[in-house]
Amino acid sequence: MPRYVIERTFAERLDLTKEGIENVNLINDQEGVQWIFSFLSADKKKTYCLYEAPNPEAIRAAARRNNIPADVIIEISGEIGPNMFA
């Protein structure tokens, strides 16, 4: 399944709760997308998330239903790291 990086900008600091995360995952499952992990900026107003999804439209649909932004969606094709060049 294709992978995507999603940039999200929040108006206020992001406060995560177990219940909120469970709801996000439930809606994501219904839309056929899987949240793999996220990086949170120091000011807690921006995230960079890695997702698997059939297409960007599924990510946008899940974001709308979760009432969270999906400012930029970029399909990625592979991984690179420093160990690959050692």
N, C-alpha and C. Protein backbone atom coordinates (compact mmCIF):
# COMPACT_ATOMS: atom_id res chain seq x y z
N MET A 1 0.86 -1.17 0.00
CA MET A 1 0.00 0.00 0.00
C MET A 1 0.91 1.24 0.00
N PRO A 2 0.52 2.28 -0.72
CA PRO A 2 1.35 3.50 -0.75
C PRO A 2 1.49 4.14 0.63
N ARG A 3 2.62 4.81 0.81
CA ARG A 3 2.88 5.55 2.06
C ARG A 3 2.91 7.04 1.75
N TYR A 4 2.48 7.81 2.76
CA TYR A 4 2.40 9.26 2.62
C TYR A 4 2.92 9.95 3.87
N VAL A 5 3.54 11.10 3.69
CA VAL A 5 3.87 12.00 4.79
C VAL A 5 2.83 13.11 4.76
N ILE A 6 2.23 13.38 5.92
CA ILE A 6 1.21 14.42 6.04
C ILE A 6 1.71 15.49 6.99
N GLU A 7 1.70 16.73 6.52
CA GLU A 7 2.04 17.87 7.38
C GLU A 7 0.73 18.47 7.88
N ARG A 8 0.63 18.65 9.18
CA ARG A 8 -0.57 19.21 9.80
C ARG A 8 -0.17 20.41 10.66
N THR A 9 -0.88 21.52 10.49
CA THR A 9 -0.65 22.70 11.31
C THR A 9 -1.91 22.97 12.12
N PHE A 10 -1.75 23.05 13.43
CA PHE A 10 -2.87 23.27 14.35
C PHE A 10 -2.86 24.71 14.85
N ALA A 11 -4.05 25.29 15.05
CA ALA A 11 -4.17 26.66 15.53
C ALA A 11 -3.69 26.78 16.97
N GLU A 12 -3.88 25.73 17.74
CA GLU A 12 -3.48 25.73 19.14
C GLU A 12 -2.62 24.51 19.41
N ARG A 13 -1.97 24.51 20.56
CA ARG A 13 -1.14 23.36 20.94
C ARG A 13 -1.96 22.08 20.92
N LEU A 14 -1.36 21.03 20.44
CA LEU A 14 -2.02 19.74 20.36
C LEU A 14 -1.92 19.03 21.71
N ASP A 15 -3.07 18.69 22.27
CA ASP A 15 -3.11 17.92 23.51
C ASP A 15 -3.72 16.56 23.20
N LEU A 16 -2.91 15.52 23.28
CA LEU A 16 -3.35 14.19 22.93
C LEU A 16 -3.90 13.45 24.14
N THR A 17 -4.99 12.71 23.91
CA THR A 17 -5.55 11.86 24.95
C THR A 17 -5.71 10.45 24.38
N LYS A 18 -5.78 9.48 25.24
CA LYS A 18 -5.98 8.10 24.81
C LYS A 18 -7.29 7.97 24.04
N GLU A 19 -8.35 8.59 24.55
CA GLU A 19 -9.66 8.54 23.89
C GLU A 19 -9.60 9.19 22.51
N GLY A 20 -8.91 10.31 22.41
CA GLY A 20 -8.79 11.00 21.13
C GLY A 20 -8.05 10.16 20.10
N ILE A 21 -6.97 9.52 20.52
CA ILE A 21 -6.18 8.66 19.64
C ILE A 21 -7.01 7.46 19.20
N GLU A 22 -7.75 6.87 20.11
CA GLU A 22 -8.60 5.73 19.76
C GLU A 22 -9.64 6.12 18.73
N ASN A 23 -10.21 7.32 18.86
CA ASN A 23 -11.21 7.79 17.90
C ASN A 23 -10.58 8.02 16.53
N VAL A 24 -9.39 8.61 16.50
CA VAL A 24 -8.68 8.81 15.24
C VAL A 24 -8.44 7.47 14.57
N ASN A 25 -7.97 6.48 15.32
CA ASN A 25 -7.69 5.17 14.74
C ASN A 25 -8.95 4.49 14.24
N LEU A 26 -10.07 4.64 14.94
CA LEU A 26 -11.34 4.05 14.51
C LEU A 26 -11.77 4.64 13.16
N ILE A 27 -11.75 5.95 13.06
CA ILE A 27 -12.14 6.60 11.80
C ILE A 27 -11.16 6.26 10.70
N ASN A 28 -9.86 6.26 11.01
CA ASN A 28 -8.87 5.88 10.00
C ASN A 28 -9.16 4.48 9.46
N ASP A 29 -9.46 3.53 10.35
CA ASP A 29 -9.78 2.17 9.92
C ASP A 29 -10.98 2.16 8.97
N GLN A 30 -11.99 2.95 9.30
CA GLN A 30 -13.18 3.01 8.45
C GLN A 30 -12.87 3.59 7.07
N GLU A 31 -11.88 4.46 6.99
CA GLU A 31 -11.50 5.07 5.71
C GLU A 31 -10.40 4.29 4.99
N GLY A 32 -9.90 3.23 5.62
CA GLY A 32 -8.87 2.40 4.99
C GLY A 32 -7.47 2.97 5.06
N VAL A 33 -7.20 3.82 6.07
CA VAL A 33 -5.86 4.39 6.23
C VAL A 33 -5.28 3.93 7.56
N GLN A 34 -3.95 3.86 7.60
CA GLN A 34 -3.28 3.45 8.84
C GLN A 34 -2.23 4.47 9.22
N TRP A 35 -2.35 4.98 10.42
CA TRP A 35 -1.38 5.92 10.99
C TRP A 35 -0.22 5.09 11.52
N ILE A 36 0.99 5.35 11.01
CA ILE A 36 2.16 4.58 11.42
C ILE A 36 2.88 5.27 12.57
N PHE A 37 3.22 6.55 12.41
CA PHE A 37 3.78 7.35 13.51
C PHE A 37 3.79 8.81 13.12
N SER A 38 4.07 9.66 14.11
CA SER A 38 4.12 11.11 13.88
C SER A 38 5.26 11.72 14.66
N PHE A 39 5.74 12.85 14.15
CA PHE A 39 6.67 13.71 14.86
C PHE A 39 5.91 14.96 15.24
N LEU A 40 6.09 15.43 16.47
CA LEU A 40 5.41 16.62 16.98
C LEU A 40 6.44 17.73 17.16
N SER A 41 6.14 18.92 16.63
CA SER A 41 7.06 20.05 16.77
C SER A 41 7.17 20.47 18.23
N ALA A 42 8.24 21.18 18.57
CA ALA A 42 8.49 21.61 19.95
C ALA A 42 7.36 22.47 20.51
N ASP A 43 6.73 23.30 19.66
CA ASP A 43 5.63 24.14 20.14
C ASP A 43 4.29 23.41 20.14
N LYS A 44 4.27 22.14 19.73
CA LYS A 44 3.07 21.29 19.71
C LYS A 44 1.97 21.86 18.82
N LYS A 45 2.35 22.56 17.76
CA LYS A 45 1.36 23.10 16.83
C LYS A 45 1.47 22.50 15.43
N LYS A 46 2.45 21.62 15.23
CA LYS A 46 2.64 21.03 13.91
C LYS A 46 3.04 19.58 14.07
N THR A 47 2.49 18.72 13.20
CA THR A 47 2.91 17.33 13.17
C THR A 47 3.30 16.94 11.75
N TYR A 48 4.17 15.95 11.68
CA TYR A 48 4.56 15.31 10.42
C TYR A 48 4.28 13.83 10.63
N CYS A 49 3.32 13.30 9.88
CA CYS A 49 2.82 11.96 10.12
C CYS A 49 3.10 11.04 8.94
N LEU A 50 3.41 9.79 9.25
CA LEU A 50 3.57 8.77 8.23
C LEU A 50 2.34 7.89 8.24
N TYR A 51 1.72 7.75 7.07
CA TYR A 51 0.50 6.96 6.92
C TYR A 51 0.63 5.99 5.76
N GLU A 52 -0.11 4.89 5.82
CA GLU A 52 -0.35 4.03 4.67
C GLU A 52 -1.81 4.25 4.29
N ALA A 53 -2.05 4.41 3.00
CA ALA A 53 -3.42 4.65 2.53
C ALA A 53 -3.51 4.30 1.05
N PRO A 54 -4.70 3.98 0.59
CA PRO A 54 -4.85 3.65 -0.83
C PRO A 54 -4.62 4.86 -1.74
N ASN A 55 -4.89 6.07 -1.20
CA ASN A 55 -4.74 7.30 -2.00
C ASN A 55 -4.88 8.51 -1.08
N PRO A 56 -4.48 9.70 -1.56
CA PRO A 56 -4.60 10.91 -0.74
C PRO A 56 -6.04 11.25 -0.37
N GLU A 57 -7.00 10.90 -1.21
CA GLU A 57 -8.40 11.21 -0.92
C GLU A 57 -8.87 10.50 0.35
N ALA A 58 -8.40 9.28 0.59
CA ALA A 58 -8.77 8.56 1.81
C ALA A 58 -8.20 9.26 3.04
N ILE A 59 -6.99 9.80 2.93
CA ILE A 59 -6.38 10.55 4.03
C ILE A 59 -7.18 11.81 4.30
N ARG A 60 -7.56 12.52 3.24
CA ARG A 60 -8.36 13.75 3.41
C ARG A 60 -9.71 13.44 4.05
N ALA A 61 -10.35 12.36 3.63
CA ALA A 61 -11.66 11.99 4.20
C ALA A 61 -11.53 11.69 5.69
N ALA A 62 -10.49 10.94 6.07
CA ALA A 62 -10.28 10.65 7.49
C ALA A 62 -9.98 11.92 8.27
N ALA A 63 -9.18 12.81 7.70
CA ALA A 63 -8.86 14.08 8.37
C ALA A 63 -10.12 14.91 8.59
N ARG A 64 -10.97 15.00 7.58
CA ARG A 64 -12.23 15.76 7.73
C ARG A 64 -13.07 15.17 8.84
N ARG A 65 -13.24 13.86 8.84
CA ARG A 65 -14.07 13.20 9.85
C ARG A 65 -13.47 13.33 11.25
N ASN A 66 -12.14 13.37 11.33
CA ASN A 66 -11.47 13.54 12.62
C ASN A 66 -11.34 15.00 13.03
N ASN A 67 -11.75 15.90 12.13
CA ASN A 67 -11.66 17.34 12.36
C ASN A 67 -10.22 17.76 12.66
N ILE A 68 -9.28 17.22 11.86
CA ILE A 68 -7.87 17.60 11.96
C ILE A 68 -7.38 18.01 10.57
N PRO A 69 -6.42 18.91 10.51
CA PRO A 69 -5.93 19.36 9.21
C PRO A 69 -5.08 18.30 8.50
N ALA A 70 -5.01 18.43 7.21
CA ALA A 70 -4.07 17.66 6.38
C ALA A 70 -3.57 18.65 5.33
N ASP A 71 -2.66 19.54 5.77
CA ASP A 71 -2.23 20.66 4.93
C ASP A 71 -1.47 20.22 3.69
N VAL A 72 -0.56 19.28 3.86
CA VAL A 72 0.26 18.80 2.75
C VAL A 72 0.31 17.28 2.83
N ILE A 73 0.05 16.62 1.71
CA ILE A 73 0.13 15.16 1.62
C ILE A 73 1.11 14.83 0.51
N ILE A 74 2.18 14.11 0.87
CA ILE A 74 3.23 13.77 -0.10
C ILE A 74 3.39 12.26 -0.14
N GLU A 75 3.23 11.67 -1.33
CA GLU A 75 3.49 10.24 -1.47
C GLU A 75 5.00 10.01 -1.46
N ILE A 76 5.41 8.99 -0.72
CA ILE A 76 6.84 8.65 -0.66
C ILE A 76 7.04 7.26 -1.27
N SER A 77 8.25 7.05 -1.80
CA SER A 77 8.48 5.79 -2.50
C SER A 77 9.51 4.89 -1.85
N GLY A 78 10.22 5.37 -0.86
CA GLY A 78 11.23 4.52 -0.25
C GLY A 78 11.86 5.18 0.95
N GLU A 79 12.82 4.49 1.52
CA GLU A 79 13.52 5.00 2.70
C GLU A 79 15.01 5.05 2.41
N ILE A 80 15.68 6.02 3.00
CA ILE A 80 17.13 6.08 2.98
C ILE A 80 17.61 6.39 4.38
N GLY A 81 18.80 6.00 4.71
CA GLY A 81 19.36 6.26 6.02
C GLY A 81 20.87 6.19 5.96
N PRO A 82 21.55 6.70 6.99
CA PRO A 82 23.00 6.74 6.97
C PRO A 82 23.67 5.38 6.90
N ASN A 83 23.02 4.35 7.46
CA ASN A 83 23.60 3.01 7.43
C ASN A 83 23.67 2.42 6.03
N MET A 84 22.88 2.94 5.12
CA MET A 84 22.89 2.44 3.75
C MET A 84 24.20 2.78 3.06
N PHE A 85 24.92 3.76 3.57
CA PHE A 85 26.13 4.24 2.91
C PHE A 85 27.39 3.91 3.69
N ALA A 86 27.26 3.11 4.75
CA ALA A 86 28.40 2.75 5.59
C ALA A 86 29.29 1.72 4.91
